Amino acid sequence: MRYVIGIDGGSTKCLLKAKSMDGTVLSQITGNTTNHLSVGVSEAGRRITKHISNLLSAFGGNKDDCACVVVGASGIDSANDKIIVSGLYNSLLFGCPVFCMNDGNIALYATTNGVGIMAISGTGSIVVGRNSQGRTTRSGGYPSTIFGNEGSSQWIALSALNYASKWVDGSVESSPLIEMMNEFFHILDASKLVECSIALRRRPVDSQLAVLVYEAAKKDDPAAKHILKRAAAELFAVADTCVRKLGFDKEEEFLSGVWGSVFVNNEIFYKYYAREFTSRYPGGKVIFPVGDAADGAAKMAFDYLEGKVEYIRDL
């Protein structure tokens, strides 16, 4: 039985789906991240091999029956990254085309059919776009250590820590956000903030702090709402760069997709972002994709086989 595979290789997890040629899901699995930038190339290769094996064994799939594999990976940020990730998947010896690209391109295709802007905000953030002339661009996606990943859960969490430091110093009053962080840290003080800062050299900040910001904002905490408003404005500024680079600012209407855990799970952030976007570009339609990123990758695989994505090798 012929099938395609769509893969969403995110920063925190990897979602894989195998679909028959009529679109039926044959199997799907969720595993640990395969981002080579965070776990190393060797470990990424080991995990990819394990994930694919588990996916195929779930429905008795044979590699020779696979028609196409499309991978969207958060770790593909350069031409060299693409070579590395493609090499890891091609080493599995599928007898079919295998395409690897930044996960933003998958989300863009799934949401806008390949023409428009796509903002992703999850653990990190990035904005990608493609216009009707085939020109592509991307903005953002830089590490939080240089104040990149604007509007992401990392950015929001770091902003919360910054606000907490002001409370520790006595320059701001307590609030629902501070109370939640105090409980999270089991009594928040200067030493714990310093310990947390030092730990950031070894691992990302705990994204649960971003969840606390959302929960506090729902309780009308002014500081939490301000953090989310700033986060949305920062991400919109990144998106605006893509809009202008691709000439969408001169079009009456265009699609602007949004995706990622922050958009999906944080309604307040989404509303702030949509308001920023549509107030600047009234003709921009802010929309979510149908299905998840693995579905989008599978859709691209199907469309490639039908000759609808001639530019897939350029992504």
C-alpha atoms as a PDB file:
ATOM      1  CA  MET A   1       0.000   0.000   0.000  1.00  0.00           C
ATOM      2  CA  ARG A   2       1.451   3.360  -1.069  1.00  0.00           C
ATOM      3  CA  TYR A   3       1.540   6.191   1.418  1.00  0.00           C
ATOM      4  CA  VAL A   4       3.203   9.517   2.259  1.00  0.00           C
ATOM      5  CA  ILE A   5       4.824  10.733   5.473  1.00  0.00           C
ATOM      6  CA  GLY A   6       4.463  14.226   6.927  1.00  0.00           C
ATOM      7  CA  ILE A   7       6.755  15.257   9.786  1.00  0.00           C
ATOM      8  CA  ASP A   8       6.683  18.232  12.126  1.00  0.00           C
ATOM      9  CA  GLY A   9      10.086  18.377  13.790  1.00  0.00           C
ATOM     10  CA  GLY A  10       9.542  21.022  16.451  1.00  0.00           C
ATOM     11  CA  SER A  11      11.820  22.398  19.131  1.00  0.00           C
ATOM     12  CA  THR A  12      10.245  20.361  21.930  1.00  0.00           C
ATOM     13  CA  LYS A  13       8.691  17.357  20.172  1.00  0.00           C
ATOM     14  CA  CYS A  14       8.432  15.583  16.845  1.00  0.00           C
ATOM     15  CA  LEU A  15       5.075  14.608  15.306  1.00  0.00           C
ATOM     16  CA  LEU A  16       4.993  12.099  12.442  1.00  0.00           C
ATOM     17  CA  LYS A  17       2.013  10.952  10.370  1.00  0.00           C
ATOM     18  CA  ALA A  18       1.732   8.329   7.649  1.00  0.00           C
ATOM     19  CA  LYS A  19      -1.237   8.705   5.297  1.00  0.00           C
ATOM     20  CA  SER A  20      -2.562   6.474   2.545  1.00  0.00           C
ATOM     21  CA  MET A  21      -3.013   7.998  -0.914  1.00  0.00           C
ATOM     22  CA  ASP A  22      -6.642   8.809  -0.140  1.00  0.00           C
ATOM     23  CA  GLY A  23      -5.594  10.833   2.932  1.00  0.00           C
ATOM     24  CA  THR A  24      -6.471   8.262   5.585  1.00  0.00           C
ATOM     25  CA  VAL A  25      -4.152   8.386   8.605  1.00  0.00           C
ATOM     26  CA  LEU A  26      -2.421   5.012   8.830  1.00  0.00           C
ATOM     27  CA  SER A  27      -0.416   5.828  11.933  1.00  0.00           C
ATOM     28  CA  GLN A  28       0.916   8.743  13.901  1.00  0.00           C
ATOM     29  CA  ILE A  29       3.422   9.056  16.718  1.00  0.00           C
ATOM     30  CA  THR A  30       4.836  11.822  18.867  1.00  0.00           C
ATOM     31  CA  GLY A  31       8.422  11.567  20.033  1.00  0.00           C
ATOM     32  CA  ASN A  32      11.271  13.621  21.453  1.00  0.00           C
ATOM     33  CA  THR A  33      12.587  16.535  19.443  1.00  0.00           C
ATOM     34  CA  THR A  34      14.983  15.738  16.596  1.00  0.00           C
ATOM     35  CA  ASN A  35      16.402  19.257  16.395  1.00  0.00           C
ATOM     36  CA  HIS A  36      20.091  18.687  15.672  1.00  0.00           C
ATOM     37  CA  LEU A  37      20.991  22.120  17.014  1.00  0.00           C
ATOM     38  CA  SER A  38      19.760  21.239  20.490  1.00  0.00           C
ATOM     39  CA  VAL A  39      20.486  17.493  20.790  1.00  0.00           C
ATOM     40  CA  GLY A  40      23.420  17.103  18.393  1.00  0.00           C
ATOM     41  CA  VAL A  41      23.572  15.489  14.952  1.00  0.00           C
ATOM     42  CA  SER A  42      24.296  11.973  16.200  1.00  0.00           C
ATOM     43  CA  GLU A  43      21.418  11.958  18.688  1.00  0.00           C
ATOM     44  CA  ALA A  44      19.084  13.559  16.152  1.00  0.00           C
ATOM     45  CA  GLY A  45      19.886  10.761  13.700  1.00  0.00           C
ATOM     46  CA  ARG A  46      19.251   8.108  16.343  1.00  0.00           C
ATOM     47  CA  ARG A  47      15.891   9.626  17.252  1.00  0.00           C
ATOM     48  CA  ILE A  48      14.815  10.027  13.618  1.00  0.00           C
ATOM     49  CA  THR A  49      15.587   6.355  12.945  1.00  0.00           C
ATOM     50  CA  LYS A  50      13.609   5.313  16.027  1.00  0.00           C
ATOM     51  CA  HIS A  51      10.613   7.548  15.217  1.00  0.00           C
ATOM     52  CA  ILE A  52      10.378   6.330  11.615  1.00  0.00           C
ATOM     53  CA  SER A  53      10.689   2.699  12.719  1.00  0.00           C
ATOM     54  CA  ASN A  54       7.884   3.146  15.259  1.00  0.00           C
ATOM     55  CA  LEU A  55       5.704   4.946  12.711  1.00  0.00           C
ATOM     56  CA  LEU A  56       6.047   2.220  10.089  1.00  0.00           C
ATOM     57  CA  SER A  57       5.717  -0.707  12.505  1.00  0.00           C
ATOM     58  CA  ALA A  58       2.405   0.724  13.747  1.00  0.00           C
ATOM     59  CA  PHE A  59       0.760  -0.132  10.411  1.00  0.00           C
ATOM     60  CA  GLY A  60       3.199  -2.607   8.909  1.00  0.00           C
ATOM     61  CA  GLY A  61       4.533  -0.082   6.422  1.00  0.00           C
ATOM     62  CA  ASN A  62       7.334  -0.827   3.992  1.00  0.00           C
ATOM     63  CA  LYS A  63       9.824   1.883   3.019  1.00  0.00           C
ATOM     64  CA  ASP A  64       9.624   0.817  -0.629  1.00  0.00           C
ATOM     65  CA  ASP A  65       5.911   1.704  -0.670  1.00  0.00           C
ATOM     66  CA  CYS A  66       6.459   5.289   0.478  1.00  0.00           C
ATOM     67  CA  ALA A  67       5.673   7.806  -2.282  1.00  0.00           C
ATOM     68  CA  CYS A  68       7.059  10.960  -0.645  1.00  0.00           C
ATOM     69  CA  VAL A  69       8.381  12.267   2.670  1.00  0.00           C
ATOM     70  CA  VAL A  70       8.109  15.941   3.647  1.00  0.00           C
ATOM     71  CA  VAL A  71       9.811  17.202   6.803  1.00  0.00           C
ATOM     72  CA  GLY A  72       9.342  20.577   8.451  1.00  0.00           C
ATOM     73  CA  ALA A  73      12.126  21.071  11.001  1.00  0.00           C
ATOM     74  CA  SER A  74      12.680  23.923  13.422  1.00  0.00           C
ATOM     75  CA  GLY A  75      16.452  23.384  13.201  1.00  0.00           C
ATOM     76  CA  ILE A  76      16.756  24.218   9.493  1.00  0.00           C
ATOM     77  CA  ASP A  77      17.948  27.816   9.655  1.00  0.00           C
ATOM     78  CA  SER A  78      20.631  27.774   6.964  1.00  0.00           C
ATOM     79  CA  ALA A  79      21.694  25.945   3.807  1.00  0.00           C
ATOM     80  CA  ASN A  80      24.094  23.856   5.887  1.00  0.00           C
ATOM     81  CA  ASP A  81      21.317  22.903   8.325  1.00  0.00           C
ATOM     82  CA  LYS A  82      19.243  21.734   5.378  1.00  0.00           C
ATOM     83  CA  ILE A  83      22.100  19.554   4.141  1.00  0.00           C
ATOM     84  CA  ILE A  84      22.526  18.012   7.602  1.00  0.00           C
ATOM     85  CA  VAL A  85      18.830  17.260   8.179  1.00  0.00           C
ATOM     86  CA  SER A  86      18.310  16.011   4.628  1.00  0.00           C
ATOM     87  CA  GLY A  87      21.287  13.705   5.070  1.00  0.00           C
ATOM     88  CA  LEU A  88      19.796  12.228   8.248  1.00  0.00           C
ATOM     89  CA  TYR A  89      16.502  11.388   6.533  1.00  0.00           C
ATOM     90  CA  ASN A  90      18.054  10.254   3.247  1.00  0.00           C
ATOM     91  CA  SER A  91      20.251   7.824   5.189  1.00  0.00           C
ATOM     92  CA  LEU A  92      17.053   5.903   6.005  1.00  0.00           C
ATOM     93  CA  LEU A  93      17.020   4.778   2.340  1.00  0.00           C
ATOM     94  CA  PHE A  94      13.455   5.564   1.381  1.00  0.00           C
ATOM     95  CA  GLY A  95      12.944   4.820  -2.294  1.00  0.00           C
ATOM     96  CA  CYS A  96      11.126   8.095  -2.878  1.00  0.00           C
ATOM     97  CA  PRO A  97      11.661  11.876  -2.839  1.00  0.00           C
ATOM     98  CA  VAL A  98      12.467  13.281   0.612  1.00  0.00           C
ATOM     99  CA  PHE A  99      12.126  17.039   1.160  1.00  0.00           C
ATOM    100  CA  CYS A 100      13.346  18.825   4.291  1.00  0.00           C
ATOM    101  CA  MET A 101      12.705  22.501   5.033  1.00  0.00           C
ATOM    102  CA  ASN A 102      12.148  24.947   7.870  1.00  0.00           C
ATOM    103  CA  ASP A 103       8.884  24.217   9.648  1.00  0.00           C
ATOM    104  CA  GLY A 104       7.702  27.728   8.857  1.00  0.00           C
ATOM    105  CA  ASN A 105       7.481  26.852   5.169  1.00  0.00           C
ATOM    106  CA  ILE A 106       5.232  23.891   5.951  1.00  0.00           C
ATOM    107  CA  ALA A 107       2.942  26.048   8.065  1.00  0.00           C
ATOM    108  CA  LEU A 108       2.871  28.722   5.362  1.00  0.00           C
ATOM    109  CA  TYR A 109       1.861  26.223   2.702  1.00  0.00           C
ATOM    110  CA  ALA A 110      -0.768  24.573   4.886  1.00  0.00           C
ATOM    111  CA  THR A 111      -2.334  27.914   5.763  1.00  0.00           C
ATOM    112  CA  THR A 112      -2.020  30.095   2.659  1.00  0.00           C
ATOM    113  CA  ASN A 113      -1.353  27.499  -0.043  1.00  0.00           C
ATOM    114  CA  GLY A 114       2.078  28.996  -0.405  1.00  0.00           C
ATOM    115  CA  VAL A 115       1.300  32.685  -0.965  1.00  0.00           C
ATOM    116  CA  GLY A 116       1.208  34.977   2.062  1.00  0.00           C
ATOM    117  CA  ILE A 117       2.845  35.509   5.445  1.00  0.00           C
ATOM    118  CA  MET A 118       3.198  32.972   8.263  1.00  0.00           C
ATOM    119  CA  ALA A 119       4.047  33.858  11.859  1.00  0.00           C
ATOM    120  CA  ILE A 120       4.924  30.986  14.184  1.00  0.00           C
ATOM    121  CA  SER A 121       5.156  31.455  17.936  1.00  0.00           C
ATOM    122  CA  GLY A 122       5.908  28.422  20.060  1.00  0.00           C
ATOM    123  CA  THR A 123       9.060  27.702  22.042  1.00  0.00           C
ATOM    124  CA  GLY A 124      10.728  30.044  19.558  1.00  0.00           C
ATOM    125  CA  SER A 125       9.342  32.251  16.821  1.00  0.00           C
ATOM    126  CA  ILE A 126       9.867  32.961  13.144  1.00  0.00           C
ATOM    127  CA  VAL A 127       8.034  34.627  10.280  1.00  0.00           C
ATOM    128  CA  VAL A 128       8.244  33.354   6.705  1.00  0.00           C
ATOM    129  CA  GLY A 129       6.551  34.453   3.519  1.00  0.00           C
ATOM    130  CA  ARG A 130       6.208  33.892  -0.198  1.00  0.00           C
ATOM    131  CA  ASN A 131       4.555  36.096  -2.814  1.00  0.00           C
ATOM    132  CA  SER A 132       2.820  35.226  -6.070  1.00  0.00           C
ATOM    133  CA  GLN A 133       6.050  35.858  -8.008  1.00  0.00           C
ATOM    134  CA  GLY A 134       7.725  33.063  -6.075  1.00  0.00           C
ATOM    135  CA  ARG A 135       9.968  35.261  -3.963  1.00  0.00           C
ATOM    136  CA  THR A 136      10.498  33.904  -0.442  1.00  0.00           C
ATOM    137  CA  THR A 137      11.796  35.513   2.714  1.00  0.00           C
ATOM    138  CA  ARG A 138      12.065  34.964   6.445  1.00  0.00           C
ATOM    139  CA  SER A 139      12.647  37.149   9.473  1.00  0.00           C
ATOM    140  CA  GLY A 140      13.338  36.461  13.131  1.00  0.00           C
ATOM    141  CA  GLY A 141      14.115  33.068  14.573  1.00  0.00           C
ATOM    142  CA  TYR A 142      17.281  34.291  16.267  1.00  0.00           C
ATOM    143  CA  PRO A 143      18.200  32.999  19.745  1.00  0.00           C
ATOM    144  CA  SER A 144      16.665  34.524  22.848  1.00  0.00           C
ATOM    145  CA  THR A 145      20.187  35.284  24.087  1.00  0.00           C
ATOM    146  CA  ILE A 146      20.293  38.205  21.615  1.00  0.00           C
ATOM    147  CA  PHE A 147      16.670  39.114  22.364  1.00  0.00           C
ATOM    148  CA  GLY A 148      15.381  37.207  19.347  1.00  0.00           C
ATOM    149  CA  ASN A 149      12.472  34.740  19.220  1.00  0.00           C
ATOM    150  CA  GLU A 150      10.172  37.723  19.624  1.00  0.00           C
ATOM    151  CA  GLY A 151       6.732  36.899  20.987  1.00  0.00           C
ATOM    152  CA  SER A 152       7.627  33.268  21.705  1.00  0.00           C
ATOM    153  CA  SER A 153       7.069  31.429  24.968  1.00  0.00           C
ATOM    154  CA  GLN A 154      10.790  31.921  25.653  1.00  0.00           C
ATOM    155  CA  TRP A 155      10.495  35.677  25.102  1.00  0.00           C
ATOM    156  CA  ILE A 156       7.397  35.882  27.319  1.00  0.00           C
ATOM    157  CA  ALA A 157       9.028  33.786  30.054  1.00  0.00           C
ATOM    158  CA  LEU A 158      12.177  35.916  30.061  1.00  0.00           C
ATOM    159  CA  SER A 159      10.046  39.061  30.250  1.00  0.00           C
ATOM    160  CA  ALA A 160       8.281  37.569  33.256  1.00  0.00           C
ATOM    161  CA  LEU A 161      11.632  36.947  34.949  1.00  0.00           C
ATOM    162  CA  ASN A 162      12.665  40.522  34.234  1.00  0.00           C
ATOM    163  CA  TYR A 163       9.450  41.769  35.826  1.00  0.00           C
ATOM    164  CA  ALA A 164       9.999  39.468  38.815  1.00  0.00           C
ATOM    165  CA  SER A 165      13.435  41.015  39.351  1.00  0.00           C
ATOM    166  CA  LYS A 166      11.786  44.410  39.687  1.00  0.00           C
ATOM    167  CA  TRP A 167       9.457  43.002  42.329  1.00  0.00           C
ATOM    168  CA  VAL A 168      12.366  41.464  44.217  1.00  0.00           C
ATOM    169  CA  ASP A 169      14.023  44.902  44.199  1.00  0.00           C
ATOM    170  CA  GLY A 170      10.831  46.534  45.447  1.00  0.00           C
ATOM    171  CA  SER A 171      10.203  48.753  42.420  1.00  0.00           C
ATOM    172  CA  VAL A 172       6.820  47.173  41.578  1.00  0.00           C
ATOM    173  CA  GLU A 173       3.979  45.912  43.728  1.00  0.00           C
ATOM    174  CA  SER A 174       2.879  42.294  44.026  1.00  0.00           C
ATOM    175  CA  SER A 175       0.293  41.034  41.540  1.00  0.00           C
ATOM    176  CA  PRO A 176      -1.338  37.761  40.446  1.00  0.00           C
ATOM    177  CA  LEU A 177       1.682  37.130  38.194  1.00  0.00           C
ATOM    178  CA  ILE A 178       4.138  37.607  41.061  1.00  0.00           C
ATOM    179  CA  GLU A 179       2.050  35.378  43.314  1.00  0.00           C
ATOM    180  CA  MET A 180       2.061  32.613  40.688  1.00  0.00           C
ATOM    181  CA  MET A 181       5.807  32.947  40.118  1.00  0.00           C
ATOM    182  CA  ASN A 182       6.408  32.973  43.861  1.00  0.00           C
ATOM    183  CA  GLU A 183       4.619  29.629  44.093  1.00  0.00           C
ATOM    184  CA  PHE A 184       6.415  28.308  40.988  1.00  0.00           C
ATOM    185  CA  PHE A 185       9.842  29.070  42.483  1.00  0.00           C
ATOM    186  CA  HIS A 186       8.822  28.002  46.007  1.00  0.00           C
ATOM    187  CA  ILE A 187       9.505  31.506  47.324  1.00  0.00           C
ATOM    188  CA  LEU A 188      10.975  33.883  44.777  1.00  0.00           C
ATOM    189  CA  ASP A 189      14.074  35.835  45.783  1.00  0.00           C
ATOM    190  CA  ALA A 190      17.218  37.294  44.263  1.00  0.00           C
ATOM    191  CA  SER A 191      19.263  34.107  44.681  1.00  0.00           C
ATOM    192  CA  LYS A 192      16.742  32.025  42.765  1.00  0.00           C
ATOM    193  CA  LEU A 193      16.636  34.571  39.963  1.00  0.00           C
ATOM    194  CA  VAL A 194      20.416  34.435  39.731  1.00  0.00           C
ATOM    195  CA  GLU A 195      20.382  30.623  39.758  1.00  0.00           C
ATOM    196  CA  CYS A 196      17.785  30.654  36.997  1.00  0.00           C
ATOM    197  CA  SER A 197      19.866  33.095  34.944  1.00  0.00           C
ATOM    198  CA  ILE A 198      22.978  30.942  35.271  1.00  0.00           C
ATOM    199  CA  ALA A 199      20.980  27.866  34.269  1.00  0.00           C
ATOM    200  CA  LEU A 200      20.002  29.625  31.027  1.00  0.00           C
ATOM    201  CA  ARG A 201      23.561  29.042  29.824  1.00  0.00           C
ATOM    202  CA  ARG A 202      22.819  25.313  29.765  1.00  0.00           C
ATOM    203  CA  ARG A 203      19.122  25.108  28.858  1.00  0.00           C
ATOM    204  CA  PRO A 204      16.203  27.298  27.756  1.00  0.00           C
ATOM    205  CA  VAL A 205      14.006  29.002  30.309  1.00  0.00           C
ATOM    206  CA  ASP A 206      11.013  26.932  31.460  1.00  0.00           C
ATOM    207  CA  SER A 207       8.127  27.791  29.117  1.00  0.00           C
ATOM    208  CA  GLN A 208       5.705  27.161  31.984  1.00  0.00           C
ATOM    209  CA  LEU A 209       6.501  30.730  33.023  1.00  0.00           C
ATOM    210  CA  ALA A 210       4.828  31.908  29.799  1.00  0.00           C
ATOM    211  CA  VAL A 211       1.740  29.936  30.793  1.00  0.00           C
ATOM    212  CA  LEU A 212       1.731  31.748  34.138  1.00  0.00           C
ATOM    213  CA  VAL A 213       1.764  35.078  32.300  1.00  0.00           C
ATOM    214  CA  TYR A 214      -1.319  34.041  30.350  1.00  0.00           C
ATOM    215  CA  GLU A 215      -3.095  32.833  33.473  1.00  0.00           C
ATOM    216  CA  ALA A 216      -2.303  36.106  35.238  1.00  0.00           C
ATOM    217  CA  ALA A 217      -3.506  38.106  32.218  1.00  0.00           C
ATOM    218  CA  LYS A 218      -6.815  36.261  32.392  1.00  0.00           C
ATOM    219  CA  LYS A 219      -7.078  37.610  35.944  1.00  0.00           C
ATOM    220  CA  ASP A 220      -6.627  41.119  34.509  1.00  0.00           C
ATOM    221  CA  ASP A 221      -3.082  41.486  35.835  1.00  0.00           C
ATOM    222  CA  PRO A 222      -1.803  44.735  34.199  1.00  0.00           C
ATOM    223  CA  ALA A 223       1.817  43.570  34.145  1.00  0.00           C
ATOM    224  CA  ALA A 224       0.966  40.237  32.509  1.00  0.00           C
ATOM    225  CA  LYS A 225      -1.246  41.935  29.930  1.00  0.00           C
ATOM    226  CA  HIS A 226       1.535  44.419  29.204  1.00  0.00           C
ATOM    227  CA  ILE A 227       4.028  41.592  28.629  1.00  0.00           C
ATOM    228  CA  LEU A 228       1.665  39.874  26.178  1.00  0.00           C
ATOM    229  CA  LYS A 229       0.904  43.139  24.406  1.00  0.00           C
ATOM    230  CA  ARG A 230       4.614  43.847  23.998  1.00  0.00           C
ATOM    231  CA  ALA A 231       5.204  40.265  22.839  1.00  0.00           C
ATOM    232  CA  ALA A 232       2.540  40.614  20.147  1.00  0.00           C
ATOM    233  CA  ALA A 233       3.902  43.987  19.050  1.00  0.00           C
ATOM    234  CA  GLU A 234       7.447  42.607  18.820  1.00  0.00           C
ATOM    235  CA  LEU A 235       6.337  39.653  16.706  1.00  0.00           C
ATOM    236  CA  PHE A 236       4.219  41.894  14.483  1.00  0.00           C
ATOM    237  CA  ALA A 237       7.301  44.063  13.849  1.00  0.00           C
ATOM    238  CA  VAL A 238       9.073  40.938  12.583  1.00  0.00           C
ATOM    239  CA  ALA A 239       6.071  40.025  10.432  1.00  0.00           C
ATOM    240  CA  ASP A 240       5.865  43.577   9.088  1.00  0.00           C
ATOM    241  CA  THR A 241       9.391  43.188   7.750  1.00  0.00           C
ATOM    242  CA  CYS A 242       8.286  40.178   5.683  1.00  0.00           C
ATOM    243  CA  VAL A 243       5.137  41.961   4.516  1.00  0.00           C
ATOM    244  CA  ARG A 244       7.129  44.896   3.150  1.00  0.00           C
ATOM    245  CA  LYS A 245       9.940  42.782   1.686  1.00  0.00           C
ATOM    246  CA  LEU A 246       7.444  40.789  -0.354  1.00  0.00           C
ATOM    247  CA  GLY A 247       5.300  43.750  -1.399  1.00  0.00           C
ATOM    248  CA  PHE A 248       2.140  42.661   0.384  1.00  0.00           C
ATOM    249  CA  ASP A 249       1.872  46.174   1.840  1.00  0.00           C
ATOM    250  CA  LYS A 250       0.892  47.309  -1.661  1.00  0.00           C
ATOM    251  CA  GLU A 251      -1.832  44.676  -2.085  1.00  0.00           C
ATOM    252  CA  GLU A 252      -5.463  45.198  -1.115  1.00  0.00           C
ATOM    253  CA  GLU A 253      -5.801  41.730   0.390  1.00  0.00           C
ATOM    254  CA  PHE A 254      -3.443  38.966   1.464  1.00  0.00           C
ATOM    255  CA  LEU A 255      -3.344  36.030   3.880  1.00  0.00           C
ATOM    256  CA  SER A 256      -1.389  36.079   7.112  1.00  0.00           C
ATOM    257  CA  GLY A 257      -1.241  32.722   8.844  1.00  0.00           C
ATOM    258  CA  VAL A 258      -0.480  32.150  12.514  1.00  0.00           C
ATOM    259  CA  TRP A 259       0.571  28.957  14.253  1.00  0.00           C
ATOM    260  CA  GLY A 260       2.410  27.586  17.254  1.00  0.00           C
ATOM    261  CA  SER A 261       1.547  26.851  20.865  1.00  0.00           C
ATOM    262  CA  VAL A 262       1.471  30.513  21.926  1.00  0.00           C
ATOM    263  CA  PHE A 263      -1.076  31.429  19.261  1.00  0.00           C
ATOM    264  CA  VAL A 264      -3.099  28.273  19.826  1.00  0.00           C
ATOM    265  CA  ASN A 265      -3.149  28.288  23.629  1.00  0.00           C
ATOM    266  CA  ASN A 266      -2.981  31.993  24.460  1.00  0.00           C
ATOM    267  CA  GLU A 267      -6.107  33.741  23.202  1.00  0.00           C
ATOM    268  CA  ILE A 268      -5.094  37.096  24.674  1.00  0.00           C
ATOM    269  CA  PHE A 269      -1.790  37.063  22.785  1.00  0.00           C
ATOM    270  CA  TYR A 270      -3.555  36.065  19.563  1.00  0.00           C
ATOM    271  CA  LYS A 271      -6.046  38.928  19.891  1.00  0.00           C
ATOM    272  CA  TYR A 272      -3.279  41.457  20.545  1.00  0.00           C
ATOM    273  CA  TYR A 273      -1.336  40.204  17.508  1.00  0.00           C
ATOM    274  CA  ALA A 274      -4.380  40.142  15.200  1.00  0.00           C
ATOM    275  CA  ARG A 275      -5.276  43.672  16.307  1.00  0.00           C
ATOM    276  CA  GLU A 276      -1.738  44.905  15.600  1.00  0.00           C
ATOM    277  CA  PHE A 277      -1.738  43.253  12.195  1.00  0.00           C
ATOM    278  CA  THR A 278      -5.161  44.313  10.947  1.00  0.00           C
ATOM    279  CA  SER A 279      -4.840  47.872  12.254  1.00  0.00           C
ATOM    280  CA  ARG A 280      -1.726  48.273  10.086  1.00  0.00           C
ATOM    281  CA  TYR A 281      -2.995  46.128   7.197  1.00  0.00           C
ATOM    282  CA  PRO A 282      -6.813  46.103   7.071  1.00  0.00           C
ATOM    283  CA  GLY A 283      -6.673  43.846   4.011  1.00  0.00           C
ATOM    284  CA  GLY A 284      -4.576  41.247   5.808  1.00  0.00           C
ATOM    285  CA  LYS A 285      -6.607  38.243   6.881  1.00  0.00           C
ATOM    286  CA  VAL A 286      -5.157  36.563   9.980  1.00  0.00           C
ATOM    287  CA  ILE A 287      -5.979  32.840   9.897  1.00  0.00           C
ATOM    288  CA  PHE A 288      -5.045  29.503  11.446  1.00  0.00           C
ATOM    289  CA  PRO A 289      -4.189  26.432   9.325  1.00  0.00           C
ATOM    290  CA  VAL A 290      -6.534  23.466   9.097  1.00  0.00           C
ATOM    291  CA  GLY A 291      -4.994  20.518  10.946  1.00  0.00           C
ATOM    292  CA  ASP A 292      -1.508  20.430  12.456  1.00  0.00           C
ATOM    293  CA  ALA A 293       1.928  20.904  10.921  1.00  0.00           C
ATOM    294  CA  ALA A 294       2.339  17.179  10.175  1.00  0.00           C
ATOM    295  CA  ASP A 295      -0.934  17.328   8.226  1.00  0.00           C
ATOM    296  CA  GLY A 296       0.496  20.311   6.351  1.00  0.00           C
ATOM    297  CA  ALA A 297       3.640  18.349   5.503  1.00  0.00           C
ATOM    298  CA  ALA A 298       1.533  15.436   4.257  1.00  0.00           C
ATOM    299  CA  LYS A 299      -0.577  17.846   2.177  1.00  0.00           C
ATOM    300  CA  MET A 300       2.567  19.218   0.573  1.00  0.00           C
ATOM    301  CA  ALA A 301       3.663  15.643  -0.207  1.00  0.00           C
ATOM    302  CA  PHE A 302       0.347  14.876  -1.909  1.00  0.00           C
ATOM    303  CA  ASP A 303       0.392  18.139  -3.847  1.00  0.00           C
ATOM    304  CA  TYR A 304       3.989  17.549  -4.952  1.00  0.00           C
ATOM    305  CA  LEU A 305       3.021  14.175  -6.375  1.00  0.00           C
ATOM    306  CA  GLU A 306       0.265  15.925  -8.329  1.00  0.00           C
ATOM    307  CA  GLY A 307       2.719  18.475  -9.706  1.00  0.00           C
ATOM    308  CA  LYS A 308       1.316  21.401  -7.711  1.00  0.00           C
ATOM    309  CA  VAL A 309       4.466  22.421  -5.806  1.00  0.00           C
ATOM    310  CA  GLU A 310       7.106  22.933  -8.497  1.00  0.00           C
ATOM    311  CA  TYR A 311       9.129  25.154  -6.160  1.00  0.00           C
ATOM    312  CA  ILE A 312       9.407  22.616  -3.324  1.00  0.00           C
ATOM    313  CA  ARG A 313      13.168  22.138  -3.812  1.00  0.00           C
ATOM    314  CA  ASP A 314      13.690  25.882  -3.262  1.00  0.00           C
ATOM    315  CA  LEU A 315      12.098  25.853   0.210  1.00  0.00           C
END
